């Protein structure tokens, strides 16, 4: 029989993983200012294996509107440039032979709305994951009742689980509001 504490901890752990995934997803959504994390999803072929750009070059943000990439190996210039062009960033890199420079253009109103909608979708996915974790927790508690857990203990645990759920949903809403504000700020 699974005890109440284990059940609540398992549910909370699943909810925390949903939050971590949301943080990661929101970090990759461009909000008008340069961030090295925009390039995290882009992989390049380095000696036969696909690796992140940060493994083959120094990636920096000298100012709020640009990212510079300085490959450690000169042969990587073409590969990195091609990977950036082929990615879904939608930005053309500039290569001067020393560094690859990516200028982050200001977002148009239409693009801001698209990004905001994308953020809402990511947040909704995270909320669904949190709700699923709550549902799984409640199912585990009901199963524990059949195995001998007291019903009032189960009800108390469900109330605690609901409070944990509400806390995580609020955290998701706060993260979404913050990212939305970041995107909509001109």
Protein backbone atom coordinates (compact mmCIF):
# COMPACT_ATOMS: atom_id res chain seq x y z
CA UNK A 1 0.00 0.00 0.00
CA UNK A 2 1.29 3.42 -0.93
CA UNK A 3 1.26 5.91 1.93
CA UNK A 4 -0.18 9.42 1.61
CA UNK A 5 3.17 11.23 1.84
CA UNK A 6 4.69 9.22 -1.01
CA UNK A 7 1.63 9.78 -3.16
CA UNK A 8 1.70 13.56 -2.57
CA UNK A 9 5.46 13.71 -3.18
CA UNK A 10 5.14 11.80 -6.46
CA UNK A 11 2.40 14.15 -7.67
CA UNK A 12 4.38 17.22 -6.62
CA UNK A 13 7.47 15.92 -8.40
CA UNK A 14 5.47 15.47 -11.63
CA UNK A 15 4.12 19.02 -11.29
CA UNK A 16 7.64 20.40 -10.72
CA UNK A 17 8.82 18.65 -13.88
CA UNK A 18 6.00 20.32 -15.83
CA UNK A 19 7.15 23.72 -14.48
CA UNK A 20 10.77 23.00 -15.42
CA UNK A 21 9.72 22.03 -18.94
CA UNK A 22 7.66 25.22 -19.24
CA UNK A 23 10.63 27.34 -18.10
CA UNK A 24 12.78 25.69 -20.76
CA UNK A 25 10.14 26.17 -23.46
CA UNK A 26 9.57 29.84 -22.61
CA UNK A 27 13.32 30.51 -22.60
CA UNK A 28 13.51 29.43 -26.24
CA UNK A 29 10.77 31.84 -27.33
CA UNK A 30 12.34 35.03 -28.61
CA UNK A 31 11.12 38.14 -26.81
CA UNK A 32 12.84 40.88 -28.78
CA UNK A 33 16.11 40.87 -26.89
CA UNK A 34 19.14 38.73 -27.56
CA UNK A 35 19.70 35.63 -25.46
CA UNK A 36 22.22 32.85 -25.99
CA UNK A 37 19.46 30.38 -25.08
CA UNK A 38 17.81 31.08 -28.44
CA UNK A 39 20.51 28.91 -30.01
CA UNK A 40 20.22 26.01 -27.53
CA UNK A 41 17.96 23.98 -29.80
CA UNK A 42 20.19 24.32 -32.87
CA UNK A 43 22.55 21.40 -33.46
CA UNK A 44 25.60 21.33 -35.75
CA UNK A 45 27.56 18.42 -37.18
CA UNK A 46 30.95 18.35 -35.48
CA UNK A 47 33.20 15.43 -36.40
CA UNK A 48 30.29 13.11 -37.05
CA UNK A 49 28.06 13.93 -34.09
CA UNK A 50 25.30 16.49 -33.66
CA UNK A 51 26.18 18.94 -30.86
CA UNK A 52 24.84 22.31 -29.64
CA UNK A 53 26.53 25.40 -31.09
CA UNK A 54 27.88 26.25 -27.62
CA UNK A 55 30.02 23.07 -27.79
CA UNK A 56 31.94 24.25 -30.88
CA UNK A 57 31.98 28.03 -30.41
CA UNK A 58 31.92 30.86 -27.88
CA UNK A 59 28.40 32.32 -27.88
CA UNK A 60 27.96 35.81 -26.38
CA UNK A 61 25.49 38.69 -26.36
CA UNK A 62 27.51 41.92 -26.65
CA UNK A 63 24.33 44.01 -26.54
CA UNK A 64 20.54 43.58 -26.32
CA UNK A 65 20.11 43.32 -30.08
CA UNK A 66 22.81 40.88 -31.20
CA UNK A 67 24.43 37.51 -30.56
CA UNK A 68 28.00 36.76 -31.61
CA UNK A 69 29.33 33.29 -32.27
CA UNK A 70 33.10 32.76 -32.45
CA UNK A 71 33.84 29.21 -33.61
CA UNK A 72 36.96 27.60 -32.18
CA UNK A 73 37.59 25.81 -35.46
CA UNK A 74 37.52 27.89 -38.68
CA UNK A 75 35.97 24.96 -40.59
CA UNK A 76 32.82 25.30 -38.46
CA UNK A 77 31.81 28.74 -39.91
CA UNK A 78 29.82 27.29 -42.83
CA UNK A 79 28.27 24.50 -40.72
CA UNK A 80 27.10 26.90 -37.98
CA UNK A 81 25.78 29.42 -40.51
CA UNK A 82 23.84 26.73 -42.38
CA UNK A 83 22.37 25.35 -39.12
CA UNK A 84 21.15 28.84 -38.11
CA UNK A 85 19.66 29.50 -41.56
CA UNK A 86 17.91 26.10 -41.56
CA UNK A 87 16.55 26.59 -38.02
CA UNK A 88 13.16 28.11 -37.19
CA UNK A 89 14.73 31.29 -35.76
CA UNK A 90 14.01 33.17 -38.97
CA UNK A 91 17.16 35.30 -38.71
CA UNK A 92 20.01 35.59 -41.22
CA UNK A 93 23.50 35.39 -39.70
CA UNK A 94 26.30 37.70 -40.88
CA UNK A 95 29.81 36.27 -41.21
CA UNK A 96 32.87 38.55 -41.32
CA UNK A 97 35.48 35.77 -41.21
CA UNK A 98 36.17 36.29 -37.49
CA UNK A 99 32.74 35.93 -35.90
CA UNK A 100 29.20 35.11 -36.92
CA UNK A 101 26.88 37.91 -35.87
CA UNK A 102 23.13 37.47 -35.51
CA UNK A 103 21.15 40.71 -35.36
CA UNK A 104 17.90 40.35 -33.44
CA UNK A 105 15.35 42.53 -35.24
CA UNK A 106 12.64 44.25 -33.23
CA UNK A 107 9.41 42.27 -33.25
CA UNK A 108 6.42 43.39 -35.28
CA UNK A 109 3.03 43.59 -33.60
CA UNK A 110 1.83 40.54 -35.54
CA UNK A 111 4.91 38.51 -34.55
CA UNK A 112 4.43 39.54 -30.90
CA UNK A 113 0.89 38.20 -31.01
CA UNK A 114 2.10 34.92 -32.56
CA UNK A 115 4.75 34.52 -29.86
CA UNK A 116 2.21 35.36 -27.15
CA UNK A 117 -0.13 32.70 -28.55
CA UNK A 118 2.76 30.21 -28.62
CA UNK A 119 3.51 30.99 -24.95
CA UNK A 120 -0.14 30.45 -24.04
CA UNK A 121 -0.02 27.07 -25.77
CA UNK A 122 3.10 26.06 -23.82
CA UNK A 123 1.48 27.21 -20.56
CA UNK A 124 -1.69 25.26 -21.34
CA UNK A 125 0.38 22.12 -21.98
CA UNK A 126 2.07 22.61 -18.61
CA UNK A 127 -1.33 23.06 -16.92
CA UNK A 128 -2.57 19.83 -18.49
CA UNK A 129 0.52 18.04 -17.13
CA UNK A 130 -0.14 19.45 -13.66
CA UNK A 131 -3.79 18.39 -13.83
CA UNK A 132 -2.77 14.90 -14.97
CA UNK A 133 -0.37 14.64 -12.02
CA UNK A 134 -3.23 15.62 -9.68
CA UNK A 135 -5.54 13.07 -11.29
CA UNK A 136 -2.90 10.33 -10.98
CA UNK A 137 -2.41 11.28 -7.32
CA UNK A 138 -6.14 11.08 -6.62
CA UNK A 139 -6.32 7.71 -8.39
CA UNK A 140 -3.43 6.44 -6.27
CA UNK A 141 -5.21 7.63 -3.11
CA UNK A 142 -8.44 5.87 -4.14
CA UNK A 143 -6.46 2.71 -4.78
CA UNK A 144 -4.86 3.08 -1.33
CA UNK A 145 -8.35 3.28 0.25
CA UNK A 146 -9.16 -0.10 -1.29
CA UNK A 147 -5.93 -1.39 0.24
CA UNK A 148 -6.80 -0.17 3.73
CA UNK A 149 -6.21 3.61 3.92
CA UNK A 150 -8.81 5.45 6.02
CA UNK A 151 -11.31 7.42 3.92
CA UNK A 152 -10.97 10.63 5.94
CA UNK A 153 -7.20 10.41 5.50
CA UNK A 154 -7.77 10.10 1.76
CA UNK A 155 -10.06 13.15 1.75
CA UNK A 156 -7.46 15.21 3.69
CA UNK A 157 -4.77 14.10 1.23
CA UNK A 158 -6.98 15.11 -1.71
CA UNK A 159 -7.42 18.58 -0.17
CA UNK A 160 -3.61 18.87 0.21
CA UNK A 161 -3.14 17.68 -3.36
CA UNK A 162 -5.62 20.30 -4.58
CA UNK A 163 -3.69 23.02 -2.73
CA UNK A 164 -0.42 21.86 -4.30
CA UNK A 165 -2.17 21.80 -7.70
CA UNK A 166 -3.50 25.35 -7.21
CA UNK A 167 -0.03 26.59 -6.23
CA UNK A 168 1.52 25.17 -9.43
CA UNK A 169 -1.29 26.48 -11.66
CA UNK A 170 -0.76 29.96 -10.16
CA UNK A 171 2.98 29.64 -10.78
CA UNK A 172 2.30 28.77 -14.44
CA UNK A 173 -0.05 31.76 -14.78
CA UNK A 174 2.60 34.05 -13.24
CA UNK A 175 5.30 32.73 -15.59
CA UNK A 176 2.99 33.24 -18.58
CA UNK A 177 2.10 36.78 -17.51
CA UNK A 178 5.78 37.65 -17.08
CA UNK A 179 6.75 36.24 -20.49
CA UNK A 180 3.73 37.91 -22.12
CA UNK A 181 4.77 41.25 -20.63
CA UNK A 182 8.34 40.68 -21.88
CA UNK A 183 7.08 39.92 -25.41
CA UNK A 184 4.61 42.80 -25.59
CA UNK A 185 7.08 45.41 -24.29
CA UNK A 186 8.33 47.36 -27.30
